[in-house]
């Protein structure tokens, strides 16, 4: 009988420890990895990622550049090119890139792709040479903008 009384006392002591932490309010604050700013009357949004989101997604950028494509005719002028990984196609067939006007900020911009050569997309229209575009993490930016996978 003495052992069962000790067991009951021990069990009550352990059970009471579970409730000891319930007295304090939680200090957990949810931090959103991105802020999506929708401008009224505009289809394009502005995405701002946190530093941690940039690290986790490993988002990288590359400049739009003017370049000659190997195999292009000699008389062809330099063309604006971006990494093929920068291009996002939507269901309508339209193509976009995410420009980065400032660190951790991305804005979707329409482009018209002339052709693909290896891992390079040659543009008919798009951002000016020197403009930074996302080249890694592009689908994650698209998903963030439209709430896909969230």
N, C-alpha and C. Protein backbone atom coordinates (compact mmCIF):
# COMPACT_ATOMS: atom_id res chain seq x y z
N UNK A 1 0.82 -1.19 0.00
CA UNK A 1 0.00 0.00 0.00
C UNK A 1 0.87 1.25 0.00
N UNK A 2 1.98 1.15 0.74
CA UNK A 2 2.87 2.29 0.84
C UNK A 2 3.46 2.65 -0.53
N UNK A 3 3.79 1.63 -1.35
CA UNK A 3 4.35 1.87 -2.67
C UNK A 3 3.33 2.51 -3.60
N UNK A 4 2.08 2.11 -3.49
CA UNK A 4 1.07 2.70 -4.36
C UNK A 4 0.83 4.16 -4.00
N UNK A 5 0.92 4.52 -2.73
CA UNK A 5 0.77 5.92 -2.31
C UNK A 5 1.93 6.75 -2.85
N UNK A 6 3.14 6.22 -2.81
CA UNK A 6 4.30 6.91 -3.36
C UNK A 6 4.15 7.09 -4.87
N UNK A 7 3.64 6.08 -5.54
CA UNK A 7 3.42 6.15 -6.98
C UNK A 7 2.41 7.24 -7.33
N UNK A 8 1.31 7.32 -6.58
CA UNK A 8 0.28 8.34 -6.83
C UNK A 8 0.85 9.73 -6.61
N UNK A 9 1.62 9.93 -5.56
CA UNK A 9 2.22 11.24 -5.27
C UNK A 9 3.19 11.62 -6.38
N UNK A 10 4.00 10.67 -6.84
CA UNK A 10 4.96 10.94 -7.92
C UNK A 10 4.23 11.28 -9.22
N UNK A 11 3.17 10.55 -9.52
CA UNK A 11 2.40 10.81 -10.73
C UNK A 11 1.76 12.19 -10.70
N UNK A 12 1.23 12.59 -9.55
CA UNK A 12 0.64 13.93 -9.41
C UNK A 12 1.69 15.02 -9.56
N UNK A 13 2.89 14.78 -9.03
CA UNK A 13 3.97 15.76 -9.15
C UNK A 13 4.36 15.95 -10.61
N UNK A 14 4.49 14.86 -11.35
CA UNK A 14 4.84 14.94 -12.76
C UNK A 14 3.74 15.63 -13.55
N UNK A 15 2.49 15.30 -13.27
CA UNK A 15 1.36 15.92 -13.98
C UNK A 15 1.30 17.41 -13.71
N UNK A 16 1.61 17.83 -12.52
CA UNK A 16 1.54 19.27 -12.20
C UNK A 16 2.63 20.05 -12.92
N UNK A 17 3.76 19.42 -13.25
CA UNK A 17 4.82 20.10 -13.99
C UNK A 17 4.37 20.48 -15.40
N UNK A 18 3.48 19.70 -15.98
CA UNK A 18 3.00 20.00 -17.33
C UNK A 18 2.22 21.30 -17.37
N UNK A 19 1.58 21.65 -16.29
CA UNK A 19 0.75 22.86 -16.27
C UNK A 19 1.53 24.09 -15.79
N UNK A 20 2.74 23.91 -15.30
CA UNK A 20 3.51 25.02 -14.76
C UNK A 20 3.84 26.05 -15.85
N UNK A 21 4.07 25.60 -17.08
CA UNK A 21 4.41 26.52 -18.16
C UNK A 21 3.23 27.24 -18.75
N UNK A 22 2.03 26.91 -18.38
CA UNK A 22 0.84 27.50 -18.98
C UNK A 22 0.54 28.89 -18.44
N UNK A 23 1.22 29.32 -17.39
CA UNK A 23 0.92 30.60 -16.78
C UNK A 23 1.43 31.77 -17.61
N UNK A 24 2.52 31.56 -18.38
CA UNK A 24 3.11 32.64 -19.14
C UNK A 24 2.48 32.74 -20.52
N UNK A 25 2.30 33.96 -20.99
CA UNK A 25 1.78 34.16 -22.34
C UNK A 25 2.88 33.87 -23.35
N UNK A 26 2.49 33.37 -24.49
CA UNK A 26 3.45 33.06 -25.54
C UNK A 26 4.06 34.34 -26.09
N UNK A 27 5.37 34.32 -26.34
CA UNK A 27 6.04 35.48 -26.91
C UNK A 27 6.37 35.24 -28.38
N UNK A 28 5.80 34.20 -28.96
CA UNK A 28 6.03 33.87 -30.36
C UNK A 28 5.35 34.90 -31.25
N UNK A 29 6.09 35.45 -32.20
CA UNK A 29 5.55 36.38 -33.17
C UNK A 29 5.78 35.81 -34.56
N UNK A 30 4.72 35.65 -35.31
CA UNK A 30 4.84 35.11 -36.66
C UNK A 30 5.41 36.19 -37.58
N UNK A 31 6.44 35.84 -38.32
CA UNK A 31 7.06 36.76 -39.27
C UNK A 31 6.81 36.20 -40.66
N UNK A 32 6.15 36.97 -41.49
CA UNK A 32 5.89 36.56 -42.86
C UNK A 32 7.19 36.66 -43.66
N UNK A 33 7.49 35.67 -44.49
CA UNK A 33 8.74 35.69 -45.25
C UNK A 33 8.75 36.71 -46.40
N UNK A 34 7.56 37.17 -46.78
CA UNK A 34 7.47 38.13 -47.88
C UNK A 34 6.27 39.03 -47.70
N UNK A 35 6.41 40.24 -48.22
CA UNK A 35 5.29 41.18 -48.24
C UNK A 35 4.95 41.41 -49.71
N UNK A 36 3.69 41.18 -50.06
CA UNK A 36 3.23 41.38 -51.43
C UNK A 36 2.40 42.65 -51.45
N UNK A 37 2.83 43.61 -52.25
CA UNK A 37 2.14 44.90 -52.36
C UNK A 37 1.41 44.95 -53.70
N UNK A 38 0.08 44.94 -53.63
CA UNK A 38 -0.74 45.02 -54.84
C UNK A 38 -1.12 46.47 -55.06
N UNK A 39 -0.79 46.99 -56.22
CA UNK A 39 -1.17 48.36 -56.55
C UNK A 39 -2.52 48.35 -57.23
N UNK A 40 -3.40 49.20 -56.75
CA UNK A 40 -4.76 49.24 -57.28
C UNK A 40 -4.74 49.59 -58.76
N UNK A 41 -5.49 48.82 -59.53
CA UNK A 41 -5.60 49.05 -60.97
C UNK A 41 -4.44 48.49 -61.77
N UNK A 42 -3.47 47.86 -61.10
CA UNK A 42 -2.33 47.29 -61.81
C UNK A 42 -2.29 45.79 -61.60
N UNK A 43 -1.87 45.09 -62.62
CA UNK A 43 -1.78 43.64 -62.55
C UNK A 43 -0.50 43.19 -61.85
N UNK A 44 0.53 44.01 -61.90
CA UNK A 44 1.84 43.66 -61.38
C UNK A 44 1.96 44.03 -59.91
N UNK A 45 2.56 43.13 -59.13
CA UNK A 45 2.75 43.33 -57.70
C UNK A 45 4.23 43.57 -57.41
N UNK A 46 4.47 44.10 -56.22
CA UNK A 46 5.84 44.29 -55.74
C UNK A 46 6.04 43.33 -54.57
N UNK A 47 7.08 42.50 -54.66
CA UNK A 47 7.38 41.53 -53.61
C UNK A 47 8.61 41.99 -52.85
N UNK A 48 8.53 41.97 -51.54
CA UNK A 48 9.68 42.27 -50.70
C UNK A 48 9.91 41.07 -49.80
N UNK A 49 11.07 40.44 -49.92
CA UNK A 49 11.40 39.26 -49.14
C UNK A 49 12.23 39.66 -47.91
N UNK A 50 12.11 38.88 -46.85
CA UNK A 50 12.97 39.07 -45.69
C UNK A 50 14.36 38.51 -46.02
N UNK A 51 15.34 38.89 -45.22
CA UNK A 51 16.70 38.35 -45.39
C UNK A 51 16.67 36.83 -45.30
N UNK A 52 15.92 36.32 -44.32
CA UNK A 52 15.85 34.87 -44.11
C UNK A 52 15.23 34.18 -45.32
N UNK A 53 14.19 34.77 -45.90
CA UNK A 53 13.56 34.19 -47.09
C UNK A 53 14.54 34.16 -48.26
N UNK A 54 15.33 35.21 -48.40
CA UNK A 54 16.34 35.26 -49.47
C UNK A 54 17.35 34.12 -49.29
N UNK A 55 17.74 33.88 -48.06
CA UNK A 55 18.69 32.80 -47.78
C UNK A 55 18.06 31.44 -48.05
N UNK A 56 16.87 31.23 -47.53
CA UNK A 56 16.23 29.91 -47.64
C UNK A 56 15.91 29.57 -49.09
N UNK A 57 15.47 30.56 -49.87
CA UNK A 57 15.14 30.31 -51.27
C UNK A 57 16.37 30.36 -52.17
N UNK A 58 17.45 30.91 -51.64
CA UNK A 58 18.68 31.09 -52.40
C UNK A 58 18.41 31.89 -53.68
N UNK A 59 17.60 32.94 -53.55
CA UNK A 59 17.28 33.77 -54.71
C UNK A 59 18.56 34.46 -55.19
N UNK A 60 18.81 34.36 -56.49
CA UNK A 60 19.97 34.99 -57.09
C UNK A 60 19.53 35.83 -58.27
N UNK A 61 20.33 36.84 -58.58
CA UNK A 61 20.01 37.72 -59.70
C UNK A 61 21.16 37.74 -60.70
N UNK A 62 20.83 38.16 -61.91
CA UNK A 62 21.81 38.33 -62.98
C UNK A 62 21.37 39.54 -63.80
N UNK A 63 22.30 40.29 -64.35
CA UNK A 63 21.91 41.45 -65.15
C UNK A 63 21.45 41.04 -66.55
N UNK A 64 20.47 41.79 -67.07
CA UNK A 64 20.14 41.68 -68.49
C UNK A 64 21.38 42.20 -69.20
N UNK A 65 21.81 41.49 -70.22
CA UNK A 65 23.01 41.95 -70.91
C UNK A 65 22.80 41.95 -72.41
N UNK A 66 23.55 42.80 -73.07
CA UNK A 66 23.58 42.81 -74.53
C UNK A 66 24.68 41.86 -74.93
N UNK A 67 24.38 41.00 -75.84
CA UNK A 67 25.40 40.06 -76.26
C UNK A 67 25.13 39.49 -77.62
N UNK A 68 26.21 39.01 -78.22
CA UNK A 68 26.12 38.28 -79.48
C UNK A 68 25.94 36.82 -79.13
N UNK A 69 25.06 36.17 -79.80
CA UNK A 69 24.79 34.76 -79.57
C UNK A 69 25.66 33.95 -80.52
N UNK A 70 26.31 32.92 -79.98
CA UNK A 70 27.13 32.08 -80.85
C UNK A 70 26.23 31.45 -81.91
N UNK A 71 26.69 31.46 -83.13
CA UNK A 71 25.91 30.90 -84.23
C UNK A 71 25.01 31.92 -84.90
N UNK A 72 24.90 33.13 -84.32
CA UNK A 72 24.07 34.17 -84.95
C UNK A 72 24.82 34.74 -86.15
N UNK A 73 24.09 35.23 -87.15
CA UNK A 73 24.75 35.84 -88.30
C UNK A 73 25.68 36.98 -87.87
N UNK A 74 26.79 37.15 -88.59
CA UNK A 74 27.78 38.18 -88.23
C UNK A 74 27.18 39.58 -88.22
N UNK A 75 26.24 39.84 -89.10
CA UNK A 75 25.68 41.19 -89.20
C UNK A 75 24.58 41.45 -88.17
N UNK A 76 24.21 40.43 -87.37
CA UNK A 76 23.17 40.62 -86.36
C UNK A 76 23.71 41.45 -85.20
N UNK A 77 22.96 42.45 -84.83
CA UNK A 77 23.36 43.33 -83.73
C UNK A 77 23.29 42.58 -82.40
N UNK A 78 23.96 43.12 -81.40
CA UNK A 78 23.89 42.54 -80.06
C UNK A 78 22.43 42.56 -79.59
N UNK A 79 22.05 41.54 -78.86
CA UNK A 79 20.67 41.40 -78.40
C UNK A 79 20.63 41.36 -76.89
N UNK A 80 19.50 41.76 -76.33
CA UNK A 80 19.31 41.64 -74.88
C UNK A 80 19.06 40.18 -74.55
N UNK A 81 19.81 39.66 -73.57
CA UNK A 81 19.69 38.26 -73.17
C UNK A 81 19.60 38.17 -71.65
N UNK A 82 18.91 37.13 -71.20
CA UNK A 82 18.80 36.82 -69.77
C UNK A 82 18.99 35.31 -69.62
N UNK A 83 19.32 34.86 -68.41
CA UNK A 83 19.35 33.40 -68.21
C UNK A 83 17.97 32.82 -68.48
N UNK A 84 17.94 31.68 -69.16
CA UNK A 84 16.66 31.03 -69.46
C UNK A 84 15.88 30.75 -68.17
N UNK A 85 16.59 30.50 -67.08
CA UNK A 85 15.94 30.24 -65.79
C UNK A 85 15.19 31.44 -65.25
N UNK A 86 15.42 32.62 -65.83
CA UNK A 86 14.73 33.84 -65.39
C UNK A 86 13.31 33.94 -65.93
N UNK A 87 13.01 33.19 -66.97
CA UNK A 87 11.72 33.31 -67.66
C UNK A 87 10.64 32.50 -66.95
N UNK A 88 9.48 33.15 -66.76
CA UNK A 88 8.29 32.49 -66.21
C UNK A 88 7.21 32.58 -67.28
N UNK A 89 6.62 31.43 -67.61
CA UNK A 89 5.51 31.41 -68.55
C UNK A 89 4.23 31.16 -67.78
N UNK A 90 3.15 31.86 -68.16
CA UNK A 90 1.85 31.61 -67.53
C UNK A 90 0.95 30.90 -68.53
N UNK A 91 -0.23 30.49 -68.07
CA UNK A 91 -1.13 29.67 -68.88
C UNK A 91 -1.50 30.30 -70.22
N UNK A 92 -1.51 31.62 -70.30
CA UNK A 92 -1.87 32.29 -71.56
C UNK A 92 -0.73 32.26 -72.56
N UNK A 93 0.46 31.82 -72.12
CA UNK A 93 1.63 31.81 -73.00
C UNK A 93 2.50 33.04 -72.84
N UNK A 94 2.02 34.04 -72.08
CA UNK A 94 2.82 35.24 -71.84
C UNK A 94 4.03 34.89 -70.99
N UNK A 95 5.11 35.64 -71.18
CA UNK A 95 6.35 35.40 -70.46
C UNK A 95 6.70 36.62 -69.61
N UNK A 96 7.35 36.36 -68.48
CA UNK A 96 7.74 37.41 -67.55
C UNK A 96 9.11 37.12 -66.97
N UNK A 97 9.74 38.15 -66.44
CA UNK A 97 10.91 38.02 -65.58
C UNK A 97 10.61 38.81 -64.31
N UNK A 98 11.33 38.52 -63.25
CA UNK A 98 11.23 39.32 -62.03
C UNK A 98 12.44 40.23 -61.95
N UNK A 99 12.23 41.53 -62.13
CA UNK A 99 13.31 42.49 -62.00
C UNK A 99 13.54 42.77 -60.52
N UNK A 100 14.74 43.22 -60.19
CA UNK A 100 15.07 43.53 -58.81
C UNK A 100 15.58 44.97 -58.73
N UNK A 101 14.66 45.95 -58.55
CA UNK A 101 15.07 47.35 -58.53
C UNK A 101 15.88 47.74 -57.29
N UNK A 102 15.78 46.95 -56.23
CA UNK A 102 16.56 47.18 -55.02
C UNK A 102 16.71 45.84 -54.30
N UNK A 103 17.66 45.73 -53.39
CA UNK A 103 17.87 44.43 -52.73
C UNK A 103 16.59 43.89 -52.09
N UNK A 104 16.34 42.59 -52.30
CA UNK A 104 15.21 41.84 -51.73
C UNK A 104 13.85 42.27 -52.28
N UNK A 105 13.81 43.12 -53.29
CA UNK A 105 12.55 43.59 -53.88
C UNK A 105 12.49 43.07 -55.32
N UNK A 106 11.30 42.54 -55.69
CA UNK A 106 11.12 41.97 -57.02
C UNK A 106 9.80 42.42 -57.62
N UNK A 107 9.84 42.73 -58.92
CA UNK A 107 8.65 43.18 -59.65
C UNK A 107 8.59 42.39 -60.95
N UNK A 108 7.46 41.76 -61.19
CA UNK A 108 7.28 40.98 -62.42
C UNK A 108 7.15 41.92 -63.60
N UNK A 109 7.90 41.65 -64.67
CA UNK A 109 7.86 42.49 -65.86
C UNK A 109 7.68 41.61 -67.10
N UNK A 110 6.74 42.00 -67.97
CA UNK A 110 6.52 41.21 -69.19
C UNK A 110 7.75 41.27 -70.11
N UNK A 111 8.00 40.15 -70.79
CA UNK A 111 9.05 40.09 -71.81
C UNK A 111 8.49 39.35 -73.01
N UNK A 112 9.13 39.55 -74.12
CA UNK A 112 8.82 38.78 -75.32
C UNK A 112 10.09 38.05 -75.71
N UNK A 113 10.03 36.74 -75.67
CA UNK A 113 11.20 35.92 -75.98
C UNK A 113 11.25 35.68 -77.49
N UNK A 114 12.41 35.97 -78.10
CA UNK A 114 12.59 35.71 -79.52
C UNK A 114 12.93 34.23 -79.71
N UNK A 115 13.97 33.77 -79.00
CA UNK A 115 14.32 32.36 -79.05
C UNK A 115 15.22 32.01 -77.88
N UNK A 116 15.38 30.70 -77.68
CA UNK A 116 16.21 30.16 -76.61
C UNK A 116 17.44 29.54 -77.25
N UNK A 117 18.60 29.86 -76.71
CA UNK A 117 19.86 29.27 -77.17
C UNK A 117 20.58 28.71 -75.95
N UNK A 118 20.48 27.38 -75.76
CA UNK A 118 21.09 26.76 -74.58
C UNK A 118 20.42 27.25 -73.31
N UNK A 119 21.19 27.85 -72.42
CA UNK A 119 20.62 28.35 -71.17
C UNK A 119 20.40 29.87 -71.19
N UNK A 120 20.34 30.43 -72.40
CA UNK A 120 20.13 31.87 -72.59
C UNK A 120 18.83 32.11 -73.34
N UNK A 121 18.05 33.10 -72.86
CA UNK A 121 16.83 33.53 -73.58
C UNK A 121 17.15 34.85 -74.28
N UNK A 122 16.95 34.88 -75.56
CA UNK A 122 17.16 36.09 -76.35
C UNK A 122 15.82 36.82 -76.43
N UNK A 123 15.82 38.08 -76.03
CA UNK A 123 14.57 38.84 -75.91
C UNK A 123 14.31 39.72 -77.12
N UNK A 124 13.02 39.81 -77.49
CA UNK A 124 12.57 40.82 -78.44
C UNK A 124 12.31 42.11 -77.68
N UNK A 125 11.61 41.96 -76.54
CA UNK A 125 11.32 43.11 -75.68
C UNK A 125 11.52 42.69 -74.23
N UNK A 126 11.85 43.65 -73.40
CA UNK A 126 12.04 43.37 -71.98
C UNK A 126 12.78 44.48 -71.30
N UNK A 127 13.29 44.21 -70.11
CA UNK A 127 13.98 45.25 -69.36
C UNK A 127 15.29 45.67 -70.04
N UNK A 128 15.74 46.85 -69.72
CA UNK A 128 16.95 47.41 -70.30
C UNK A 128 18.19 46.65 -69.84
N UNK A 129 19.22 46.63 -70.68
CA UNK A 129 20.47 46.01 -70.27
C UNK A 129 20.96 46.62 -68.95
N UNK A 130 21.51 45.76 -68.11
CA UNK A 130 21.97 46.19 -66.80
C UNK A 130 20.95 45.98 -65.69
N UNK A 131 19.68 45.84 -66.05
CA UNK A 131 18.63 45.59 -65.06
C UNK A 131 18.84 44.22 -64.45
N UNK A 132 18.78 44.13 -63.12
CA UNK A 132 18.91 42.84 -62.47
C UNK A 132 17.60 42.07 -62.54
N UNK A 133 17.70 40.79 -62.89
CA UNK A 133 16.53 39.91 -62.91
C UNK A 133 16.84 38.68 -62.06
N UNK A 134 15.82 38.13 -61.43
CA UNK A 134 15.98 36.90 -60.66
C UNK A 134 16.33 35.78 -61.63
N UNK A 135 17.34 34.99 -61.27
CA UNK A 135 17.74 33.87 -62.12
C UNK A 135 17.64 32.54 -61.38
N UNK A 136 17.55 32.56 -60.06
CA UNK A 136 17.34 31.38 -59.23
C UNK A 136 16.26 31.72 -58.22
N UNK A 137 15.31 30.82 -58.02
CA UNK A 137 14.19 31.07 -57.10
C UNK A 137 13.01 31.75 -57.76
N UNK A 138 12.99 31.75 -59.08
CA UNK A 138 11.96 32.46 -59.84
C UNK A 138 10.57 31.86 -59.60
N UNK A 139 10.45 30.55 -59.63
CA UNK A 139 9.13 29.94 -59.42
C UNK A 139 8.62 30.19 -58.00
N UNK A 140 9.53 30.30 -57.05
CA UNK A 140 9.13 30.61 -55.68
C UNK A 140 8.61 32.04 -55.58
N UNK A 141 9.21 32.96 -56.33
CA UNK A 141 8.70 34.35 -56.36
C UNK A 141 7.30 34.37 -56.96
N UNK A 142 7.11 33.63 -58.04
CA UNK A 142 5.79 33.56 -58.69
C UNK A 142 4.77 32.99 -57.70
N UNK A 143 5.12 31.92 -57.03
CA UNK A 143 4.22 31.32 -56.04
C UNK A 143 3.90 32.27 -54.90
N UNK A 144 4.87 33.05 -54.48
CA UNK A 144 4.64 34.04 -53.42
C UNK A 144 3.69 35.13 -53.89
N UNK A 145 3.89 35.61 -55.11
CA UNK A 145 3.03 36.67 -55.63
C UNK A 145 1.57 36.22 -55.73
N UNK A 146 1.34 35.00 -56.16
CA UNK A 146 -0.01 34.54 -56.40
C UNK A 146 -0.57 33.61 -55.33
N UNK A 147 0.20 33.38 -54.27
CA UNK A 147 -0.28 32.55 -53.16
C UNK A 147 -0.37 31.08 -53.50
N UNK A 148 0.41 30.64 -54.49
CA UNK A 148 0.42 29.22 -54.87
C UNK A 148 1.30 28.47 -53.88
N UNK A 149 0.77 27.40 -53.32
CA UNK A 149 1.54 26.59 -52.39
C UNK A 149 1.56 27.14 -50.98
N UNK A 150 0.76 28.14 -50.70
CA UNK A 150 0.73 28.74 -49.35
C UNK A 150 -0.54 28.34 -48.64
